[in-house]
C-alpha cells in the first residue's frame, strides 16, 4: 500500500520549474526597471522644482533689496558660522581690488577669465562662485515657502550659484534706493556646441545649477565634496586628482565646465549620457539682461491668495516718462478701501523733531502730531480745504469737490484713536497709537454695514460692498 501511495504522488518537472523561474525573473526585471525609471523621474522633478524655487527667490530677493546675495561656502558644515550665508568680499580689506580676485572669502571661487568688461573700465568683471546662500535668502524674504531642503538638488548635492559681483551687496551703491544695473551681467552661458545663449555674449547676471546625477563637483549638505571635478586628458584616460582647466583651455569633458571654478563660462546643454567628452547631465538656469516679466507672482503669497510685485529695479512712472521715485504718479490715485502707513511714530521719542529741516527724522512712520494739528500751519488745512494726502510727514490740502464732512476719530476700546486714512466717500479709518488696532468709522457709532466701506446720510446707510444688516 505504501508503495502505491508513493508512486501516485506528483511534483513539478524541471521544465515547469524553469518556466516559473523565467517568468519570475522577467517580472522582477520589469519591476526593477520601473523602479529605476520612477526614482530617476522623482530626482529629476525635485531638481527642477528646487532650481525654479531658488531662481524665483533670487529675483524676489533682488526686488526687495536691490542686490543679489553673494555665494555661500560649499565646504561649510552645519554649525559653522558661515553655513548657508552670503560671503562677499570685504571692500575694507587693504588688498581689495574690484577688478581682480583679491581678499576672497574662504571656500568661494573668484575669476575674471571668460567674463566681460561690462563697466567698460578696461578690466573684465569679477564673477564669484559657490553654492546657494539659503540662510541669507530666508532672512531677506519674509513669510516665504522656501525651506532648507530647497538648497539641494534631487541627487543630494548643494545647488551651485555663480553671480556677477557688481550686482551684489559687495558694492554699497547697490541698494533698494539705487539698485544694480541689470545690464551689467558678465557671465557667459553656452550650449553643448559652445555657442553663447545670449546676445551680446557674457551678460548673464547669475546662474544656478545642479551638478547632475553623477554629482561630479558637487558638495553634500555636510560640506563634503561628493565627487571631484576631474577632467580626463583624453577619452578613457585616468582622472586627475585636482580640477584642471576645462573648455576655456580647450580640453576636458563638457560636464566639467560647470564645476571647474576657473572661469566665468557655464554650460546649459542637451542631456548626453555617452561615455565620451560630450557627456552632460547638469541642470542650469540663468538670468539674462533686463527683465523677463514686469510683474511676477510672489512666492510669499498666502494659500489661496496671489501677491504680485514689480520686477523693475528702477523707478515706475504713471503719467510721466521720467519718474523720480519708486512710484511717481502725475494725476489721481484712487483707493476703494484704504492706504495704510507701516506704523505710527512715537511722538515722545521726537519731541523736537524738525520735519521741515529733516522730513525723515521720525523714521519710516506716520507722525500723529500732524494729524492732530498741533505742529503749526503745516498740520492744518484752511477752512475751505481738505487734506487729501500725507507725504514725508506733511499734510497736503486742496479745495474739495464735495461738502467737507465734520468727522473725528472715536475712541476704540476706551482709548483715543488717530486717523490713519480716509476714502473718497469721506469715511475715515482710525487706529490706536500702536497702529495695530484699527476700525472704519462713519457718521454713526458703531459704523453699520459690518464695518465695510459705507456712507451714512439721514439715518440710512448705503454700502459700497457687503450687505447691510
Protein backbone atom coordinates (compact mmCIF):
# COMPACT_ATOMS: atom_id res chain seq x y z
CA UNK A 1 0.00 0.00 0.00
CA UNK A 2 2.84 2.42 0.91
CA UNK A 3 4.47 1.70 -2.45
CA UNK A 4 1.24 2.57 -4.28
CA UNK A 5 0.82 5.86 -2.37
CA UNK A 6 4.37 6.99 -3.14
CA UNK A 7 4.04 6.11 -6.80
CA UNK A 8 0.85 8.17 -7.10
CA UNK A 9 2.45 11.43 -5.68
CA UNK A 10 3.41 14.05 -8.30
CA UNK A 11 5.58 17.27 -8.27
CA UNK A 12 6.91 19.91 -10.67
CA UNK A 13 9.03 18.77 -13.51
CA UNK A 14 12.32 20.53 -14.28
CA UNK A 15 10.73 22.18 -17.33
CA UNK A 16 7.89 23.58 -15.20
CA UNK A 17 10.36 24.92 -12.61
CA UNK A 18 12.40 26.52 -15.35
CA UNK A 19 9.32 28.25 -16.77
CA UNK A 20 8.30 29.57 -13.33
CA UNK A 21 11.79 30.92 -12.70
CA UNK A 22 11.88 32.55 -16.14
CA UNK A 23 8.53 34.29 -15.65
CA UNK A 24 9.55 35.43 -12.15
CA UNK A 25 12.84 36.80 -13.44
CA UNK A 26 11.15 38.73 -16.25
CA UNK A 27 8.63 40.18 -13.78
CA UNK A 28 11.36 41.21 -11.36
CA UNK A 29 13.35 42.84 -14.17
CA UNK A 30 10.26 44.78 -15.25
CA UNK A 31 9.62 45.93 -11.67
CA UNK A 32 13.27 46.87 -11.21
CA UNK A 33 13.25 48.85 -14.47
CA UNK A 34 10.05 50.60 -13.45
CA UNK A 35 11.51 51.50 -10.04
CA UNK A 36 14.70 52.76 -11.65
CA UNK A 37 12.77 54.99 -14.06
CA UNK A 38 10.47 56.15 -11.26
CA UNK A 39 13.42 57.00 -9.00
CA UNK A 40 15.18 58.89 -11.79
CA UNK A 41 11.98 60.82 -12.55
CA UNK A 42 11.44 61.78 -8.90
CA UNK A 43 15.04 63.02 -8.59
CA UNK A 44 14.80 64.96 -11.83
CA UNK A 45 11.49 66.60 -10.87
CA UNK A 46 12.82 67.53 -7.42
CA UNK A 47 15.91 69.06 -9.02
CA UNK A 48 13.86 71.18 -11.41
CA UNK A 49 11.38 72.21 -8.70
CA UNK A 50 14.14 73.32 -6.32
CA UNK A 51 16.03 75.19 -9.05
CA UNK A 52 12.87 77.06 -10.05
CA UNK A 53 12.12 77.89 -6.41
CA UNK A 54 15.65 79.24 -5.88
CA UNK A 55 15.52 81.19 -9.16
CA UNK A 56 12.28 82.89 -8.15
CA UNK A 57 13.64 83.55 -4.67
CA UNK A 58 16.74 85.29 -6.07
CA UNK A 59 14.55 87.50 -8.24
CA UNK A 60 12.33 88.37 -5.30
CA UNK A 61 15.37 88.97 -3.07
CA UNK A 62 16.77 91.45 -5.59
CA UNK A 63 13.38 93.18 -5.89
CA UNK A 64 13.26 93.63 -2.10
CA UNK A 65 16.90 94.64 -1.56
CA UNK A 66 18.21 95.95 -4.89
CA UNK A 67 21.07 93.43 -4.87
CA UNK A 68 21.80 89.74 -5.26
CA UNK A 69 23.39 87.83 -2.37
CA UNK A 70 26.92 86.55 -2.75
CA UNK A 71 27.55 82.76 -2.89
CA UNK A 72 27.91 80.62 0.22
CA UNK A 73 30.90 78.45 1.07
CA UNK A 74 30.18 74.93 -0.29
CA UNK A 75 32.61 73.36 2.20
CA UNK A 76 30.92 74.84 5.29
CA UNK A 77 29.25 72.32 7.59
CA UNK A 78 26.10 72.74 9.71
CA UNK A 79 27.11 74.59 12.84
CA UNK A 80 29.81 76.64 11.11
CA UNK A 81 29.36 80.39 11.45
CA UNK A 82 29.21 80.87 7.66
CA UNK A 83 26.99 77.89 6.82
CA UNK A 84 24.44 78.95 4.18
CA UNK A 85 25.43 82.63 4.44
CA UNK A 86 26.27 85.11 1.69
CA UNK A 87 30.06 85.52 1.63
CA UNK A 88 31.04 88.75 -0.08
CA UNK A 89 34.49 90.24 -0.43
CA UNK A 90 35.37 92.85 2.17
CA UNK A 91 35.82 96.19 0.43
CA UNK A 92 37.59 97.50 3.54
CA UNK A 93 40.36 94.93 3.13
CA UNK A 94 43.59 96.68 2.16
CA UNK A 95 44.12 94.19 -0.68
CA UNK A 96 40.61 94.52 -2.14
CA UNK A 97 40.57 95.26 -5.86
CA UNK A 98 37.17 95.49 -7.61
CA UNK A 99 38.69 94.25 -10.88
CA UNK A 100 40.77 91.32 -9.65
CA UNK A 101 40.39 88.38 -7.28
CA UNK A 102 41.84 89.59 -4.00
CA UNK A 103 40.51 89.26 -0.45
CA UNK A 104 38.31 86.31 -1.50
CA UNK A 105 36.36 84.64 1.36
CA UNK A 106 37.19 81.04 2.26
CA UNK A 107 35.58 78.47 0.00
CA UNK A 108 34.42 80.98 -2.63
CA UNK A 109 35.84 80.83 -6.17
CA UNK A 110 36.66 84.06 -7.98
CA UNK A 111 37.55 84.66 -11.61
CA UNK A 112 37.74 87.25 -14.38
CA UNK A 113 38.58 84.68 -17.08
CA UNK A 114 35.85 84.28 -19.69
CA UNK A 115 33.83 87.21 -18.31
CA UNK A 116 33.33 90.58 -19.97
CA UNK A 117 34.16 94.18 -19.23
CA UNK A 118 30.59 95.28 -18.55
CA UNK A 119 31.53 98.54 -16.83
CA UNK A 120 33.98 99.48 -19.63
CA UNK A 121 36.84 100.28 -17.28
CA UNK A 122 39.40 98.21 -19.19
CA UNK A 123 39.19 95.07 -16.99
CA UNK A 124 36.95 92.02 -17.13
CA UNK A 125 34.42 91.97 -14.31
CA UNK A 126 34.62 89.58 -11.35
CA UNK A 127 32.37 86.51 -11.06
CA UNK A 128 32.01 84.74 -7.71
CA UNK A 129 31.03 81.06 -7.49
CA UNK A 130 29.90 78.87 -4.59
CA UNK A 131 26.53 77.47 -3.54
CA UNK A 132 23.13 78.97 -2.74
CA UNK A 133 23.22 81.15 0.44
CA UNK A 134 19.96 79.71 1.73
CA UNK A 135 20.08 81.38 5.15
CA UNK A 136 20.61 84.83 3.65
CA UNK A 137 17.68 84.30 1.28
CA UNK A 138 15.44 83.18 4.14
CA UNK A 139 16.37 86.29 6.11
CA UNK A 140 15.78 88.58 3.12
CA UNK A 141 12.31 87.29 2.19
CA UNK A 142 9.70 87.16 4.94
CA UNK A 143 6.88 84.60 5.02
CA UNK A 144 8.48 82.61 2.23
CA UNK A 145 7.68 78.97 1.34
CA UNK A 146 11.39 78.33 0.82
CA UNK A 147 12.84 75.85 3.28
CA UNK A 148 16.29 74.48 3.95
CA UNK A 149 15.78 71.45 1.72
CA UNK A 150 15.48 73.70 -1.34
CA UNK A 151 19.24 74.28 -1.23
CA UNK A 152 19.93 70.80 -2.64
CA UNK A 153 19.07 69.09 -5.91
CA UNK A 154 17.35 65.73 -6.25
CA UNK A 155 20.70 63.95 -6.15
CA UNK A 156 21.75 65.22 -2.72
CA UNK A 157 24.19 67.95 -3.77
CA UNK A 158 24.03 71.63 -2.85
CA UNK A 159 22.83 73.79 -5.74
CA UNK A 160 25.69 75.73 -7.34
CA UNK A 161 25.49 79.52 -7.67
CA UNK A 162 27.63 82.00 -9.61
CA UNK A 163 26.92 85.73 -9.70
CA UNK A 164 28.39 88.86 -11.26
CA UNK A 165 29.97 90.59 -8.27
CA UNK A 166 29.00 94.08 -9.49
CA UNK A 167 25.36 93.14 -8.84
CA UNK A 168 25.85 92.05 -5.22
CA UNK A 169 25.98 93.81 -1.88
CA UNK A 170 29.76 93.97 -2.16
CA UNK A 171 29.29 97.41 -3.65
CA UNK A 172 27.45 99.77 -1.24
CA UNK A 173 25.96 101.76 -4.14
CA UNK A 174 23.69 98.77 -4.76
CA UNK A 175 20.64 99.07 -2.53
CA UNK A 176 16.87 99.39 -2.71
CA UNK A 177 17.06 103.11 -3.49
CA UNK A 178 19.76 102.73 -6.17
CA UNK A 179 19.58 99.08 -7.26
CA UNK A 180 22.10 97.38 -9.53
CA UNK A 181 22.06 97.91 -13.28
CA UNK A 182 20.55 94.74 -14.83
CA UNK A 183 22.64 95.27 -17.97
CA UNK A 184 25.89 94.73 -16.07
CA UNK A 185 25.91 90.91 -16.07
CA UNK A 186 29.27 89.37 -17.03
CA UNK A 187 28.73 85.57 -17.03
CA UNK A 188 28.94 83.56 -20.27
CA UNK A 189 26.40 80.74 -20.79
CA UNK A 190 26.94 78.43 -23.77
CA UNK A 191 25.16 75.44 -25.29
CA UNK A 192 26.62 71.98 -25.95
CA UNK A 193 28.21 73.34 -29.16
CA UNK A 194 29.89 76.14 -27.20
CA UNK A 195 27.62 78.76 -28.81
CA UNK A 196 26.51 81.53 -26.44
CA UNK A 197 22.87 81.55 -25.38
CA UNK A 198 22.90 85.37 -25.25
CA UNK A 199 23.45 88.36 -27.46
CA UNK A 200 25.70 90.03 -26.61
CA UNK A 201 27.62 87.12 -25.04
CA UNK A 202 28.70 87.01 -21.42
CA UNK A 203 25.91 89.14 -19.99
CA UNK A 204 24.13 86.77 -17.57
CA UNK A 205 23.56 88.24 -14.12
CA UNK A 206 23.68 84.90 -12.29
CA UNK A 207 23.49 81.16 -12.89
CA UNK A 208 22.21 78.38 -10.62
CA UNK A 209 22.86 74.75 -11.43
CA UNK A 210 22.64 71.14 -10.33
CA UNK A 211 25.76 69.01 -10.73
CA UNK A 212 23.60 66.24 -12.18
CA UNK A 213 23.13 62.58 -11.42
CA UNK A 214 26.87 61.87 -11.29
CA UNK A 215 27.41 64.61 -8.64
CA UNK A 216 30.76 65.50 -10.19
CA UNK A 217 31.94 68.69 -8.47
CA UNK A 218 29.05 68.73 -6.00
CA UNK A 219 29.13 69.08 -2.22
CA UNK A 220 26.83 67.40 0.28
CA UNK A 221 24.78 69.26 2.90
CA UNK A 222 27.58 68.47 5.35
CA UNK A 223 30.12 70.35 3.24
CA UNK A 224 31.82 67.22 1.89
CA UNK A 225 32.95 67.02 -1.74
CA UNK A 226 30.92 64.17 -3.25
CA UNK A 227 32.99 63.67 -6.40
CA UNK A 228 35.98 65.62 -7.58
CA UNK A 229 35.58 67.69 -10.74
CA UNK A 230 38.11 65.63 -12.65
CA UNK A 231 38.87 66.21 -16.32
CA UNK A 232 40.43 63.25 -18.18
CA UNK A 233 43.20 64.35 -20.50
CA UNK A 234 41.69 62.16 -23.20
CA UNK A 235 38.69 59.85 -23.57
CA UNK A 236 39.18 56.85 -21.31
CA UNK A 237 42.27 58.33 -19.68
CA UNK A 238 42.98 58.32 -15.94
CA UNK A 239 41.21 61.01 -13.89
CA UNK A 240 43.19 63.86 -12.41
CA UNK A 241 43.07 64.27 -8.64
CA UNK A 242 42.53 68.03 -8.86
CA UNK A 243 40.47 70.18 -11.24
CA UNK A 244 42.32 71.20 -14.39
CA UNK A 245 41.33 73.82 -16.98
CA UNK A 246 38.12 72.95 -18.76
CA UNK A 247 36.69 74.12 -22.05
CA UNK A 248 38.22 77.57 -21.82
CA UNK A 249 41.67 75.99 -22.31
CA UNK A 250 40.45 73.59 -24.95
CA UNK A 251 40.32 70.27 -23.12
CA UNK A 252 38.04 68.42 -20.77
CA UNK A 253 34.57 66.91 -20.70
CA UNK A 254 31.55 69.11 -21.34
CA UNK A 255 30.11 68.08 -17.96
CA UNK A 256 33.01 69.56 -16.01
CA UNK A 257 32.68 73.13 -17.23
CA UNK A 258 30.13 73.94 -14.52
CA UNK A 259 32.37 72.73 -11.70
CA UNK A 260 35.92 73.65 -12.76
CA UNK A 261 35.68 77.03 -10.94
CA UNK A 262 38.40 78.50 -13.15
CA UNK A 263 36.40 80.79 -15.46
CA UNK A 264 33.09 82.59 -15.91
CA UNK A 265 31.88 80.16 -18.59
CA UNK A 266 28.97 77.80 -17.87
CA UNK A 267 27.19 75.20 -19.99
CA UNK A 268 23.43 74.81 -20.46
CA UNK A 269 23.28 71.94 -22.94
CA UNK A 270 21.26 68.95 -24.03
CA UNK A 271 21.40 65.78 -21.94
CA UNK A 272 24.14 63.44 -23.24
CA UNK A 273 24.89 60.20 -21.39
CA UNK A 274 27.57 58.86 -23.74
CA UNK A 275 30.87 57.82 -22.22
CA UNK A 276 32.85 60.49 -24.02
CA UNK A 277 33.82 64.15 -23.85
CA UNK A 278 30.23 65.19 -24.74
CA UNK A 279 28.81 63.72 -21.51
CA UNK A 280 26.50 66.26 -19.81
CA UNK A 281 23.85 65.70 -17.13
CA UNK A 282 23.71 69.09 -15.37
CA UNK A 283 20.67 71.35 -15.00
CA UNK A 284 21.32 75.10 -15.27
CA UNK A 285 19.16 78.22 -15.07
CA UNK A 286 20.47 81.69 -15.83
CA UNK A 287 19.22 85.27 -15.51
CA UNK A 288 19.87 87.32 -18.65
CA UNK A 289 19.83 91.05 -19.15
CA UNK A 290 16.71 93.06 -18.46
CA UNK A 291 13.59 91.50 -17.00
CA UNK A 292 11.60 88.60 -18.39
CA UNK A 293 8.31 89.81 -16.89
CA UNK A 294 7.35 93.19 -15.47
CA UNK A 295 5.09 91.64 -12.81
CA UNK A 296 5.61 88.33 -11.05
CA UNK A 297 3.69 86.30 -8.51
CA UNK A 298 5.33 86.39 -5.10
CA UNK A 299 6.45 83.08 -3.60
CA UNK A 300 5.34 84.57 -0.27
CA UNK A 301 1.65 84.58 -1.25
CA UNK A 302 -0.62 83.03 1.43
CA UNK A 303 -2.63 79.93 0.46
CA UNK A 304 -5.50 80.86 -1.81
CA UNK A 305 -4.16 84.37 -2.49
CA UNK A 306 -1.94 85.87 -5.16
CA UNK A 307 0.52 88.61 -4.27
CA UNK A 308 2.39 90.25 -7.14
CA UNK A 309 5.42 92.51 -7.21
CA UNK A 310 7.07 94.72 -9.81
CA UNK A 311 10.40 93.37 -11.07
CA UNK A 312 11.59 96.74 -12.37
CA UNK A 313 14.63 97.66 -10.26
CA UNK A 314 14.34 101.35 -11.16
CA UNK A 315 11.52 103.86 -10.79
CA UNK A 316 7.96 103.38 -12.09
CA UNK A 317 6.13 106.31 -13.64
CA UNK A 318 2.40 106.82 -14.20
CA UNK A 319 1.70 109.89 -16.31
CA UNK A 320 5.40 110.65 -16.58
CA UNK A 321 8.29 109.15 -18.54
CA UNK A 322 10.85 110.48 -16.05
CA UNK A 323 9.87 109.11 -12.62
CA UNK A 324 11.97 110.39 -9.73
CA UNK A 325 10.65 107.96 -7.08
CA UNK A 326 9.99 104.23 -6.82
CA UNK A 327 6.39 105.12 -7.78
CA UNK A 328 5.88 108.53 -9.34
CA UNK A 329 2.28 109.40 -10.27
CA UNK A 330 1.10 112.54 -12.06
CA UNK A 331 -2.65 112.53 -11.65
CA UNK A 332 -5.02 110.99 -9.11
CA UNK A 333 -4.62 107.75 -7.18
CA UNK A 334 -7.91 106.17 -6.14
CA UNK A 335 -8.26 103.65 -3.32
CA UNK A 336 -11.59 101.95 -2.67
CA UNK A 337 -10.53 100.84 0.80
CA UNK A 338 -7.54 102.48 2.46
CA UNK A 339 -3.85 103.30 2.15
CA UNK A 340 -2.12 102.25 5.34
CA UNK A 341 1.14 103.54 6.80
CA UNK A 342 3.53 100.94 8.29
CA UNK A 343 3.16 102.34 11.81
CA UNK A 344 2.71 105.49 13.87
CA UNK A 345 5.73 107.34 15.18
CA UNK A 346 6.01 107.69 18.93
CA UNK A 347 5.72 111.49 19.49
CA UNK A 348 7.53 111.16 22.81
CA UNK A 349 10.69 109.99 21.04
CA UNK A 350 10.80 113.00 18.73
CA UNK A 351 9.72 116.00 20.86
CA UNK A 352 11.97 118.41 18.97
CA UNK A 353 11.88 116.75 15.59
CA UNK A 354 12.17 119.39 12.84
CA UNK A 355 10.26 117.88 9.92
CA UNK A 356 10.94 120.94 7.78
CA UNK A 357 14.70 120.53 8.12
CA UNK A 358 14.67 116.75 8.06
CA UNK A 359 11.39 115.12 6.92
CA UNK A 360 12.79 111.66 7.72
CA UNK A 361 13.80 112.40 11.31
CA UNK A 362 10.82 110.47 12.60
CA UNK A 363 11.75 107.37 10.63
CA UNK A 364 9.51 105.48 8.23
CA UNK A 365 6.30 106.07 10.19
CA UNK A 366 3.32 108.42 10.29
CA UNK A 367 3.64 111.11 12.93
CA UNK A 368 0.18 111.52 14.54
CA UNK A 369 1.01 115.05 15.73
CA UNK A 370 0.44 116.35 12.22
CA UNK A 371 -2.97 114.72 12.06
CA UNK A 372 -3.75 116.13 15.50
CA UNK A 373 -2.95 119.64 14.14
CA UNK A 374 -0.57 120.57 16.93
CA UNK A 375 2.56 121.42 14.91
CA UNK A 376 1.88 124.78 13.32
CA UNK A 377 0.30 125.62 10.00
CA UNK A 378 1.82 122.64 8.19
CA UNK A 379 -0.60 120.37 10.04
CA UNK A 380 -3.70 122.43 9.31
CA UNK A 381 -5.85 122.97 6.25
CA UNK A 382 -7.73 126.19 5.56
CA UNK A 383 -11.43 126.33 6.39
CA UNK A 384 -12.44 125.72 2.78
CA UNK A 385 -9.83 122.97 2.14
CA UNK A 386 -9.45 119.33 3.00
CA UNK A 387 -6.41 117.10 3.47
CA UNK A 388 -6.05 114.71 0.54
CA UNK A 389 -2.56 113.29 1.02
CA UNK A 390 0.10 112.74 3.66
CA UNK A 391 3.71 112.56 2.48
CA UNK A 392 7.03 112.97 4.27
CA UNK A 393 5.01 113.59 7.43
CA UNK A 394 3.23 116.62 5.99
CA UNK A 395 -0.43 117.11 5.12
CA UNK A 396 -1.29 118.30 1.63
CA UNK A 397 -4.55 120.22 1.26
CA UNK A 398 -6.78 121.23 -1.61
CA UNK A 399 -10.30 122.56 -2.16
CA UNK A 400 -12.79 119.69 -2.20
CA UNK A 401 -15.41 118.94 -4.78
CA UNK A 402 -17.80 117.77 -2.06
CA UNK A 403 -19.04 119.10 1.26
CA UNK A 404 -16.45 118.69 3.97
CA UNK A 405 -17.78 116.13 6.45
CA UNK A 406 -17.43 117.05 10.11
CA UNK A 407 -15.86 113.85 11.40
CA UNK A 408 -13.44 112.95 14.16
CA UNK A 409 -11.98 109.64 15.26
CA UNK A 410 -13.89 107.97 18.09
CA UNK A 411 -12.33 106.07 20.97
CA UNK A 412 -11.51 102.43 20.29
CA UNK A 413 -11.87 100.25 23.37
CA UNK A 414 -11.84 103.31 25.60
CA UNK A 415 -8.61 104.71 24.12
CA UNK A 416 -8.29 107.71 21.77
CA UNK A 417 -7.62 106.87 18.14
CA UNK A 418 -5.96 108.75 15.30
CA UNK A 419 -6.99 108.99 11.66
CA UNK A 420 -4.80 106.80 9.50
CA UNK A 421 -6.66 107.22 6.22
CA UNK A 422 -9.89 108.17 4.57
CA UNK A 423 -11.81 107.18 1.46
CA UNK A 424 -13.11 109.19 -1.43
CA UNK A 425 -16.56 108.83 0.20
CA UNK A 426 -15.42 110.77 3.23
CA UNK A 427 -15.34 107.88 5.70
CA UNK A 428 -12.33 107.77 7.96
CA UNK A 429 -10.11 104.90 9.06
CA UNK A 430 -8.89 105.26 12.63
CA UNK A 431 -6.26 103.39 14.65
CA UNK A 432 -4.78 103.37 18.11
CA UNK A 433 -1.28 104.78 18.53
CA UNK A 434 0.29 101.34 18.04
CA UNK A 435 -1.15 101.17 14.52
CA UNK A 436 -2.29 97.60 15.11
CA UNK A 437 -5.88 98.15 16.29
CA UNK A 438 -7.96 99.91 13.63
CA UNK A 439 -11.53 100.30 12.52
CA UNK A 440 -13.54 102.14 9.88
CA UNK A 441 -15.78 104.85 11.29
CA UNK A 442 -18.58 106.90 9.75
CA UNK A 443 -21.35 109.25 10.90
CA UNK A 444 -22.92 106.78 13.32
CA UNK A 445 -21.31 104.73 16.06
CA UNK A 446 -20.89 101.88 15.65
CA UNK A 447 -20.48 102.09 11.91
CA UNK A 448 -23.21 99.97 10.26
CA UNK A 449 -22.75 97.56 7.36
CA UNK A 450 -20.35 95.40 9.40
CA UNK A 451 -17.50 97.93 9.10
CA UNK A 452 -17.36 97.74 5.29
CA UNK A 453 -16.93 100.95 3.29
CA UNK A 454 -20.13 102.95 3.67
CA UNK A 455 -21.66 106.39 3.57
CA UNK A 456 -24.35 107.40 6.06
CA UNK A 457 -26.97 110.08 5.49
CA UNK A 458 -30.22 110.85 7.29
CA UNK A 459 -30.05 107.72 9.42
CA UNK A 460 -29.80 105.37 6.41
CA UNK A 461 -26.73 103.59 5.14
CA UNK A 462 -25.68 102.79 1.60
CA UNK A 463 -22.95 100.17 1.23
CA UNK A 464 -20.26 100.21 -1.42
CA UNK A 465 -19.87 96.48 -0.85
CA UNK A 466 -21.24 93.93 1.57
CA UNK A 467 -24.78 93.63 2.86
CA UNK A 468 -26.47 95.97 5.29
CA UNK A 469 -27.99 94.31 8.36
